[in-house]
Amino acid sequence: MGRILLLEDDDDVRSVLCQAVEGHGHAVKPVANCADAYAALAAEKFDLLLTDVRLPDGSGHEVAAQAKSAGTPALLISAYPEEFKNANPDQGIVFPKPSRLDPIVRAIDGILRR
């Protein structure tokens, strides 16, 4: 079981992702904006960051970079195909949105097994 920080601004998407990840035995802390994600990363230890890329108050890429500097790997999700061209593989894997949940959960499980 891992501790996952989930950053997603859309309430419905955040709820579905949270349920899917918790359903696979992981503890999830859901947040809706970058400010709350930064605060959570500063206050707690997480095994993984799962983040949307485009957020109202910043970029999931920036949050992923901050997480990585603290030793926390990231998975990124985006509804914008151009994000795949700009993705930095050092920051994490980018999944398209909408996406089937199984590949995302498998990727989370794979990272946490390392």
Protein backbone atom coordinates (compact mmCIF):
# COMPACT_ATOMS: atom_id res chain seq x y z
CA MET A 1 0.00 0.00 0.00
CA GLY A 2 1.29 3.44 -0.90
CA ARG A 3 0.48 7.00 0.07
CA ILE A 4 -0.64 8.92 -3.00
CA LEU A 5 -1.09 12.68 -3.35
CA LEU A 6 -3.79 13.23 -5.98
CA LEU A 7 -3.93 16.71 -7.55
CA GLU A 8 -6.93 17.22 -9.85
CA ASP A 9 -9.06 20.36 -10.13
CA ASP A 10 -12.15 18.67 -11.58
CA ASP A 11 -14.28 17.34 -8.70
CA ASP A 12 -15.74 14.43 -10.67
CA VAL A 13 -12.42 13.28 -12.11
CA ARG A 14 -10.74 13.62 -8.70
CA SER A 15 -13.49 11.52 -7.10
CA VAL A 16 -13.27 8.75 -9.73
CA LEU A 17 -9.46 8.62 -9.56
CA CYS A 18 -9.54 8.60 -5.77
CA GLN A 19 -11.99 5.70 -5.69
CA ALA A 20 -9.99 3.71 -8.25
CA VAL A 21 -6.66 4.19 -6.47
CA GLU A 22 -8.13 3.51 -3.01
CA GLY A 23 -9.83 0.43 -4.47
CA HIS A 24 -6.36 -0.96 -5.14
CA GLY A 25 -5.36 -0.56 -1.50
CA HIS A 26 -3.59 2.79 -1.58
CA ALA A 27 -4.17 5.70 0.78
CA VAL A 28 -5.05 8.87 -1.17
CA LYS A 29 -4.89 12.51 -0.16
CA PRO A 30 -6.95 14.41 -2.76
CA VAL A 31 -6.28 18.12 -3.38
CA ALA A 32 -7.81 20.47 -5.93
CA ASN A 33 -5.06 23.04 -6.55
CA CYS A 34 -1.31 23.54 -6.69
CA ALA A 35 -1.20 25.57 -3.48
CA ASP A 36 -2.71 22.69 -1.50
CA ALA A 37 -0.41 20.20 -3.24
CA TYR A 38 2.69 22.20 -2.32
CA ALA A 39 1.49 22.45 1.28
CA ALA A 40 0.84 18.71 1.44
CA LEU A 41 4.27 17.91 -0.03
CA ALA A 42 5.90 20.14 2.57
CA ALA A 43 3.97 18.61 5.46
CA GLU A 44 3.78 14.92 4.59
CA LYS A 45 5.71 12.11 2.90
CA PHE A 46 4.09 10.55 -0.16
CA ASP A 47 5.10 7.56 -2.25
CA LEU A 48 3.69 9.07 -5.45
CA LEU A 49 2.14 12.22 -6.89
CA LEU A 50 -0.71 11.74 -9.39
CA THR A 51 -1.44 15.11 -10.98
CA ASP A 52 -3.33 16.79 -13.73
CA VAL A 53 -1.09 18.98 -15.90
CA ARG A 54 -3.19 22.09 -16.51
CA LEU A 55 -4.49 23.56 -13.29
CA PRO A 56 -6.09 26.93 -12.51
CA ASP A 57 -3.25 28.06 -10.24
CA GLY A 58 -0.24 26.50 -11.93
CA SER A 59 1.18 23.51 -13.73
CA GLY A 60 1.29 19.87 -12.78
CA HIS A 61 4.75 19.80 -14.37
CA GLU A 62 5.95 22.29 -11.74
CA VAL A 63 4.38 20.34 -8.89
CA ALA A 64 5.93 17.14 -10.27
CA ALA A 65 9.35 18.80 -10.33
CA GLN A 66 8.93 19.88 -6.70
CA ALA A 67 7.81 16.37 -5.73
CA LYS A 68 10.74 14.80 -7.55
CA SER A 69 13.19 17.08 -5.72
CA ALA A 70 11.79 15.61 -2.49
CA GLY A 71 12.21 12.05 -3.82
CA THR A 72 8.56 11.53 -4.76
CA PRO A 73 7.88 10.14 -8.27
CA ALA A 74 4.97 11.45 -10.32
CA LEU A 75 2.40 10.34 -12.85
CA LEU A 76 0.76 13.09 -14.88
CA ILE A 77 -2.60 13.12 -16.66
CA SER A 78 -3.78 15.58 -19.28
CA ALA A 79 -6.67 16.11 -21.67
CA TYR A 80 -4.35 18.14 -23.94
CA PRO A 81 -2.35 16.11 -26.50
CA GLU A 82 0.35 18.77 -26.77
CA GLU A 83 1.35 17.96 -23.19
CA PHE A 84 2.68 14.62 -24.45
CA LYS A 85 5.17 16.42 -26.71
CA ASN A 86 6.32 18.66 -23.85
CA ALA A 87 6.50 15.91 -21.25
CA ASN A 88 9.77 15.51 -19.38
CA PRO A 89 10.26 11.76 -18.81
CA ASP A 90 12.24 12.56 -15.66
CA GLN A 91 9.10 14.09 -14.15
CA GLY A 92 6.81 11.17 -14.84
CA ILE A 93 4.61 9.41 -17.34
CA VAL A 94 1.78 11.40 -18.91
CA PHE A 95 -1.53 9.62 -19.46
CA PRO A 96 -4.27 10.98 -21.70
CA LYS A 97 -7.51 12.13 -20.16
CA PRO A 98 -10.02 10.64 -20.37
CA SER A 99 -8.27 7.34 -19.88
CA ARG A 100 -9.16 3.91 -18.72
CA LEU A 101 -8.36 3.62 -15.04
CA ASP A 102 -6.62 0.23 -15.25
CA PRO A 103 -3.46 1.50 -16.99
CA ILE A 104 -3.13 4.34 -14.50
CA VAL A 105 -3.54 2.03 -11.51
CA ARG A 106 -1.08 -0.47 -13.03
CA ALA A 107 1.46 2.32 -13.53
CA ILE A 108 1.00 3.40 -9.90
CA ASP A 109 1.46 -0.18 -8.70
CA GLY A 110 4.57 -0.57 -10.88
CA ILE A 111 6.20 2.57 -9.53
CA LEU A 112 5.43 1.64 -5.94
CA ARG A 113 6.95 -1.84 -6.38
CA ARG A 114 10.32 -0.31 -7.34
